[in-house]
Amino acid sequence: MKAMKRKITIALSVLLGCALGANAQERGFYIKPTGSYFMKVTPVEFPALGGEPARRTVAIINPSTGERDIQSQTALTGSFGEGWRAGLVGGFRFSEVVGFEVGLNYFESTTQDMMVQQFNLGGSTVFERNTTGEVKAFDLAPALVLHIPTYSTFKPYAKVGFILPVGGYLVNKSEINDRAGVLFAQFPVPPGEQISSIVLSREEEVKANPTIGFQSALGFDYSFGGRVNFFAELEYRNISVGSKEKELTKFEGEIVLTNDTRMPITFDNAPEGTRTVNYHKTITSDMNFEESPDYDRNQPTDDLRSYINIGGLGVNIGVKIPLTR
């Protein structure tokens, strides 16, 4: 009987030592390379572009007055939270329950339609515009991690934290084909000549104001018996970003005159008011905005600040590599 008790005591001691050793290995520093894909969950109406609302518009131009008779109009909604992300997470587990992580991530959204216009005249399309948007951004994501203590190979956890954008911008791309005279006044032509059509491609980068967002996730680590573990997470993130300034990065195309002369459009054709836009919470009479009677196209333009949503629900997968034994 004494021998049996001694064997049981030794066995329990070995099991306890193995459990404590396994628990000790869970503590300390680690890194997690990760890749993610996010879906939009909170679509909102996109901000106005140059004072025009985000709409899909089909209109007929009255040949006698030049006015547009709208045939259909739809608000364009979405979220720039839809897209893919790659990152590197560094973490430290203080105990079997509490840990802390900081992730450095690069995010790139899917392309979203922000303005689509089609104007018809006499049965033919004489004006087309398609403007799209895409977000490219870096962020830091500190988070508190709460583990469920377990000695199985499946180790669930939850985490909650913040999103701190550290760089990036919204890219707006516009393709315009104008035979209706919408853009004609913006481009001077030789005396006596008239414009027949304009084809224009332009791109702008909208810089963001500093902001802060929210993240939360449910996930698990899975051990295959080695030091490196697989992990997967279901993450929700929500962040609203306000515009700070807009810079024109591409402005090129071609002007066709009525005598079939072709004139190239270059970046030098863009006035300073088109190249640079500064955003403000409030517009006042002493600012240089387009509706002002004193608007100077050769100076940077002032405009009302707009906001975009980068919220999404995504799946993160990767590997967890311990750095301490």
Protein backbone atom coordinates (compact mmCIF):
# COMPACT_ATOMS: atom_id res chain seq x y z
CA MET A 1 0.00 0.00 0.00
CA LYS A 2 2.81 2.39 0.89
CA ALA A 3 4.52 1.58 -2.40
CA MET A 4 1.29 2.31 -4.29
CA LYS A 5 0.84 5.64 -2.51
CA ARG A 6 4.44 6.55 -3.31
CA LYS A 7 3.91 5.75 -7.02
CA ILE A 8 0.72 7.83 -7.11
CA THR A 9 2.49 10.73 -5.38
CA ILE A 10 5.38 10.55 -7.84
CA ALA A 11 2.99 10.39 -10.80
CA LEU A 12 1.00 13.39 -9.57
CA SER A 13 4.22 15.31 -8.98
CA VAL A 14 5.40 14.59 -12.53
CA LEU A 15 2.04 15.63 -14.01
CA LEU A 16 1.99 18.83 -11.95
CA GLY A 17 5.57 19.61 -12.95
CA CYS A 18 4.72 19.08 -16.64
CA ALA A 19 1.64 21.30 -16.32
CA LEU A 20 3.60 24.07 -14.61
CA GLY A 21 6.33 23.74 -17.20
CA ALA A 22 3.81 23.99 -20.02
CA ASN A 23 2.24 27.02 -18.34
CA ALA A 24 5.66 28.66 -17.94
CA GLN A 25 6.35 28.18 -21.64
CA GLU A 26 3.18 30.14 -22.40
CA ARG A 27 4.56 33.22 -20.66
CA GLY A 28 7.02 35.73 -22.09
CA PHE A 29 7.55 37.47 -25.42
CA TYR A 30 6.30 36.30 -28.81
CA ILE A 31 5.71 37.58 -32.34
CA LYS A 32 2.84 36.85 -34.73
CA PRO A 33 3.10 37.43 -38.50
CA THR A 34 -0.48 37.73 -39.72
CA GLY A 35 -2.64 38.17 -42.79
CA SER A 36 -6.28 39.26 -42.83
CA TYR A 37 -9.29 39.94 -44.99
CA PHE A 38 -12.11 42.22 -43.85
CA MET A 39 -15.72 42.63 -44.99
CA LYS A 40 -17.70 45.85 -44.67
CA VAL A 41 -20.37 45.77 -41.96
CA THR A 42 -21.32 49.44 -41.48
CA PRO A 43 -21.82 50.99 -44.96
CA VAL A 44 -22.47 54.74 -45.01
CA GLU A 45 -22.93 57.33 -47.75
CA PHE A 46 -19.62 58.44 -49.21
CA PRO A 47 -18.57 62.10 -48.74
CA ALA A 48 -19.16 64.77 -51.36
CA LEU A 49 -16.52 65.32 -54.03
CA GLY A 50 -15.86 68.94 -54.94
CA GLY A 51 -19.18 69.95 -53.43
CA GLU A 52 -21.14 67.28 -55.35
CA PRO A 53 -22.80 64.46 -53.40
CA ALA A 54 -21.80 60.84 -53.95
CA ARG A 55 -24.44 59.75 -56.46
CA ARG A 56 -24.95 57.48 -59.46
CA THR A 57 -26.72 59.89 -61.79
CA VAL A 58 -28.27 59.53 -65.25
CA ALA A 59 -29.56 62.77 -66.78
CA ILE A 60 -30.73 64.20 -70.11
CA ILE A 61 -29.40 67.61 -71.20
CA ASN A 62 -31.94 70.06 -72.59
CA PRO A 63 -30.41 71.21 -75.91
CA SER A 64 -32.02 74.68 -75.72
CA THR A 65 -31.17 75.56 -72.11
CA GLY A 66 -28.28 73.24 -71.25
CA GLU A 67 -30.04 72.23 -68.03
CA ARG A 68 -29.96 68.62 -66.84
CA ASP A 69 -33.15 66.65 -66.37
CA ILE A 70 -32.31 63.88 -63.91
CA GLN A 71 -33.72 60.50 -64.98
CA SER A 72 -32.35 58.44 -62.08
CA GLN A 73 -30.17 59.06 -59.05
CA THR A 74 -28.89 56.66 -56.39
CA ALA A 75 -26.83 57.45 -53.30
CA LEU A 76 -23.51 55.61 -53.31
CA THR A 77 -22.77 53.90 -50.00
CA GLY A 78 -20.09 51.60 -48.71
CA SER A 79 -17.16 51.31 -46.34
CA PHE A 80 -13.44 51.44 -46.89
CA GLY A 81 -13.11 48.81 -44.18
CA GLU A 82 -13.46 46.10 -46.84
CA GLY A 83 -10.05 44.86 -47.97
CA TRP A 84 -6.90 42.96 -46.98
CA ARG A 85 -4.31 43.54 -44.27
CA ALA A 86 -0.82 42.28 -43.47
CA GLY A 87 0.91 42.83 -40.15
CA LEU A 88 3.41 41.86 -37.51
CA VAL A 89 2.29 41.60 -33.88
CA GLY A 90 4.58 41.66 -30.86
CA GLY A 91 3.22 40.45 -27.53
CA PHE A 92 4.01 39.59 -23.93
CA ARG A 93 2.03 37.19 -21.76
CA PHE A 94 2.27 38.20 -18.11
CA SER A 95 0.37 35.23 -16.68
CA GLU A 96 -1.80 32.34 -17.75
CA VAL A 97 -4.65 34.83 -18.21
CA VAL A 98 -3.36 38.34 -19.05
CA GLY A 99 -1.25 39.44 -22.00
CA PHE A 100 -0.57 42.53 -24.09
CA GLU A 101 0.00 42.94 -27.85
CA VAL A 102 0.95 45.70 -30.27
CA GLY A 103 0.44 45.19 -33.99
CA LEU A 104 1.92 47.15 -36.90
CA ASN A 105 -0.37 46.69 -39.91
CA TYR A 106 -0.63 47.72 -43.54
CA PHE A 107 -4.20 47.90 -44.88
CA GLU A 108 -5.46 48.33 -48.43
CA SER A 109 -9.17 48.59 -49.13
CA THR A 110 -11.09 47.38 -52.13
CA THR A 111 -11.94 50.01 -54.73
CA GLN A 112 -15.30 51.73 -54.18
CA ASP A 113 -17.41 53.79 -56.61
CA MET A 114 -17.80 57.31 -55.15
CA MET A 115 -19.39 59.13 -58.11
CA VAL A 116 -20.83 57.90 -61.41
CA GLN A 117 -22.41 60.37 -63.86
CA GLN A 118 -23.89 59.89 -67.33
CA PHE A 119 -25.43 62.79 -69.27
CA ASN A 120 -27.24 62.14 -72.54
CA LEU A 121 -28.16 64.47 -75.40
CA GLY A 122 -30.14 63.52 -78.50
CA GLY A 123 -29.91 59.84 -77.71
CA SER A 124 -26.12 59.88 -77.30
CA THR A 125 -23.97 59.95 -74.17
CA VAL A 126 -22.06 63.25 -74.11
CA PHE A 127 -20.64 63.21 -70.58
CA GLU A 128 -19.30 60.36 -68.47
CA ARG A 129 -17.53 60.48 -65.13
CA ASN A 130 -16.46 57.61 -62.89
CA THR A 131 -14.70 58.44 -59.61
CA THR A 132 -13.44 55.68 -57.35
CA GLY A 133 -11.80 55.63 -53.93
CA GLU A 134 -9.26 53.33 -52.27
CA VAL A 135 -7.65 53.57 -48.83
CA LYS A 136 -4.01 52.68 -48.14
CA ALA A 137 -2.91 53.00 -44.52
CA PHE A 138 -0.51 51.94 -41.76
CA ASP A 139 -1.70 51.63 -38.17
CA LEU A 140 -0.56 50.65 -34.69
CA ALA A 141 -2.98 48.43 -32.74
CA PRO A 142 -2.30 47.99 -28.98
CA ALA A 143 -4.59 45.49 -27.26
CA LEU A 144 -5.18 43.72 -23.95
CA VAL A 145 -5.38 39.93 -24.35
CA LEU A 146 -7.36 37.71 -21.96
CA HIS A 147 -6.67 33.97 -22.19
CA ILE A 148 -8.85 31.11 -20.95
CA PRO A 149 -6.49 28.86 -18.93
CA THR A 150 -6.27 25.41 -20.50
CA TYR A 151 -3.64 22.75 -21.07
CA SER A 152 -5.20 21.42 -24.27
CA THR A 153 -3.81 22.11 -27.73
CA PHE A 154 -6.77 24.47 -28.38
CA LYS A 155 -6.27 27.72 -26.41
CA PRO A 156 -9.06 30.35 -26.80
CA TYR A 157 -8.67 34.04 -25.95
CA ALA A 158 -10.28 37.44 -26.40
CA LYS A 159 -8.71 40.84 -26.91
CA VAL A 160 -9.78 44.47 -26.96
CA GLY A 161 -7.84 47.58 -27.88
CA PHE A 162 -7.36 50.65 -30.05
CA ILE A 163 -6.35 51.51 -33.60
CA LEU A 164 -3.91 54.40 -34.10
CA PRO A 165 -3.39 55.36 -37.77
CA VAL A 166 0.23 56.40 -38.36
CA GLY A 167 0.20 57.00 -42.11
CA GLY A 168 -1.84 56.63 -45.26
CA TYR A 169 -4.38 58.35 -47.47
CA LEU A 170 -7.51 57.98 -49.56
CA VAL A 171 -6.80 57.79 -53.30
CA ASN A 172 -9.52 59.25 -55.53
CA LYS A 173 -9.28 58.40 -59.25
CA SER A 174 -11.50 60.07 -61.83
CA GLU A 175 -11.98 59.24 -65.50
CA ILE A 176 -13.93 61.93 -67.38
CA ASN A 177 -15.10 62.07 -71.02
CA ASP A 178 -16.77 65.41 -71.69
CA ARG A 179 -18.53 66.42 -74.91
CA ALA A 180 -21.19 68.44 -73.09
CA GLY A 181 -19.11 71.45 -72.05
CA VAL A 182 -19.02 70.66 -68.34
CA LEU A 183 -15.24 71.19 -68.13
CA PHE A 184 -14.74 73.54 -71.08
CA ALA A 185 -14.52 76.75 -69.02
CA GLN A 186 -11.55 75.40 -67.03
CA PHE A 187 -9.20 75.28 -70.03
CA PRO A 188 -8.21 78.33 -72.12
CA VAL A 189 -7.94 77.83 -75.88
CA PRO A 190 -6.53 80.02 -78.68
CA PRO A 191 -8.72 83.00 -79.70
CA GLY A 192 -11.43 82.03 -82.15
CA GLU A 193 -11.19 78.33 -81.33
CA GLN A 194 -13.75 76.21 -79.49
CA ILE A 195 -13.49 72.95 -77.59
CA SER A 196 -15.23 69.89 -78.98
CA SER A 197 -14.37 67.36 -76.26
CA ILE A 198 -12.15 66.75 -73.26
CA VAL A 199 -10.80 63.46 -71.95
CA LEU A 200 -9.26 63.78 -68.48
CA SER A 201 -7.69 61.43 -65.94
CA ARG A 202 -6.97 62.75 -62.48
CA GLU A 203 -5.86 61.29 -59.16
CA GLU A 204 -5.86 62.88 -55.71
CA GLU A 205 -4.53 61.82 -52.32
CA VAL A 206 -6.62 62.89 -49.32
CA LYS A 207 -4.49 63.02 -46.17
CA ALA A 208 -6.15 62.27 -42.80
CA ASN A 209 -6.27 64.03 -39.45
CA PRO A 210 -4.93 62.12 -36.41
CA THR A 211 -7.67 59.91 -34.98
CA ILE A 212 -8.28 56.80 -32.90
CA GLY A 213 -10.39 53.70 -33.51
CA PHE A 214 -11.56 50.57 -31.71
CA GLN A 215 -10.83 46.87 -32.18
CA SER A 216 -11.97 43.63 -30.53
CA ALA A 217 -11.40 39.99 -31.39
CA LEU A 218 -12.09 36.39 -30.43
CA GLY A 219 -9.40 33.90 -31.32
CA PHE A 220 -7.52 30.74 -30.50
CA ASP A 221 -4.00 29.32 -30.60
CA TYR A 222 -3.54 25.75 -31.76
CA SER A 223 -0.42 23.78 -30.92
CA PHE A 224 0.94 21.08 -33.23
CA GLY A 225 3.41 19.93 -30.59
CA GLY A 226 6.29 22.26 -31.51
CA ARG A 227 7.21 25.76 -30.41
CA VAL A 228 5.38 27.48 -33.28
CA ASN A 229 1.58 27.63 -32.93
CA PHE A 230 -1.13 28.41 -35.47
CA PHE A 231 -3.67 31.10 -34.56
CA ALA A 232 -6.91 32.45 -35.99
CA GLU A 233 -9.08 35.41 -34.96
CA LEU A 234 -12.44 36.92 -35.80
CA GLU A 235 -11.88 40.67 -35.47
CA TYR A 236 -14.16 43.69 -35.55
CA ARG A 237 -12.65 47.12 -36.11
CA ASN A 238 -14.28 50.53 -36.39
CA ILE A 239 -12.65 53.84 -37.19
CA SER A 240 -13.90 57.11 -38.70
CA VAL A 241 -11.26 59.23 -40.43
CA GLY A 242 -11.58 62.94 -41.20
CA SER A 243 -9.88 64.63 -44.15
CA LYS A 244 -7.05 67.11 -43.57
CA GLU A 245 -5.81 68.15 -47.01
CA LYS A 246 -5.99 66.95 -50.60
CA GLU A 247 -3.12 66.88 -53.06
CA LEU A 248 -3.44 66.36 -56.81
CA THR A 249 -1.02 63.65 -58.00
CA LYS A 250 -2.16 63.07 -61.59
CA PHE A 251 -3.77 65.40 -64.11
CA GLU A 252 -3.51 64.43 -67.78
CA GLY A 253 -5.65 64.06 -70.85
CA GLU A 254 -6.47 65.63 -74.20
CA ILE A 255 -8.51 68.54 -75.55
CA VAL A 256 -9.99 68.24 -79.02
CA LEU A 257 -10.94 71.50 -80.76
CA THR A 258 -13.73 71.87 -83.31
CA ASN A 259 -11.13 72.03 -86.10
CA ASP A 260 -9.83 68.62 -84.88
CA THR A 261 -6.69 70.15 -83.36
CA ARG A 262 -5.56 68.16 -80.33
CA MET A 263 -4.00 69.76 -77.28
CA PRO A 264 -2.46 67.68 -74.47
CA ILE A 265 -3.50 68.29 -70.87
CA THR A 266 -0.56 68.17 -68.47
CA PHE A 267 -0.10 68.68 -64.75
CA ASP A 268 0.86 72.31 -65.48
CA ASN A 269 -2.69 72.92 -66.75
CA ALA A 270 -4.10 72.32 -63.28
CA PRO A 271 -4.50 75.54 -61.26
CA GLU A 272 -3.28 75.63 -57.65
CA GLY A 273 -6.87 75.56 -56.40
CA THR A 274 -7.26 72.14 -58.05
CA ARG A 275 -3.87 70.86 -56.93
CA THR A 276 -4.22 71.64 -53.22
CA VAL A 277 -7.34 71.56 -51.03
CA ASN A 278 -7.30 72.29 -47.28
CA TYR A 279 -10.20 70.93 -45.21
CA HIS A 280 -11.83 72.72 -42.28
CA LYS A 281 -14.61 72.00 -39.82
CA THR A 282 -16.14 75.40 -40.64
CA ILE A 283 -15.85 77.57 -43.76
CA THR A 284 -15.83 81.35 -43.21
CA SER A 285 -16.10 84.27 -45.61
CA ASP A 286 -12.37 85.06 -45.49
CA MET A 287 -11.47 81.63 -46.88
CA ASN A 288 -10.88 80.68 -50.50
CA PHE A 289 -13.80 78.37 -51.29
CA GLU A 290 -15.43 77.77 -54.67
CA GLU A 291 -18.81 79.31 -53.83
CA SER A 292 -17.17 82.58 -52.75
CA PRO A 293 -17.46 85.58 -55.14
CA ASP A 294 -13.75 86.23 -54.48
CA TYR A 295 -12.65 82.66 -55.18
CA ASP A 296 -9.12 82.55 -56.61
CA ARG A 297 -8.45 79.34 -58.53
CA ASN A 298 -4.73 80.09 -58.42
CA GLN A 299 -4.63 79.73 -54.61
CA PRO A 300 -5.22 76.58 -52.50
CA THR A 301 -8.92 75.86 -52.07
CA ASP A 302 -10.64 75.63 -48.68
CA ASP A 303 -13.39 73.03 -48.28
CA LEU A 304 -15.49 71.45 -45.55
CA ARG A 305 -13.95 68.44 -43.82
CA SER A 306 -15.46 65.08 -44.74
CA TYR A 307 -15.29 61.67 -43.08
CA ILE A 308 -14.95 58.10 -44.28
CA ASN A 309 -15.63 54.87 -42.40
CA ILE A 310 -13.00 52.10 -42.26
CA GLY A 311 -14.98 49.64 -40.13
CA GLY A 312 -15.05 45.94 -40.93
CA LEU A 313 -15.33 42.37 -39.73
CA GLY A 314 -12.41 40.19 -40.67
CA VAL A 315 -10.53 36.95 -40.18
CA ASN A 316 -6.85 37.00 -39.14
CA ILE A 317 -4.64 33.94 -39.50
CA GLY A 318 -0.96 33.40 -38.87
CA VAL A 319 1.62 31.78 -36.64
CA LYS A 320 2.70 32.56 -33.08
CA ILE A 321 6.44 32.30 -32.45
CA PRO A 322 7.68 32.42 -28.81
CA LEU A 323 10.89 34.36 -28.21
CA THR A 324 11.54 33.12 -24.65
CA ARG A 325 11.76 29.63 -23.23
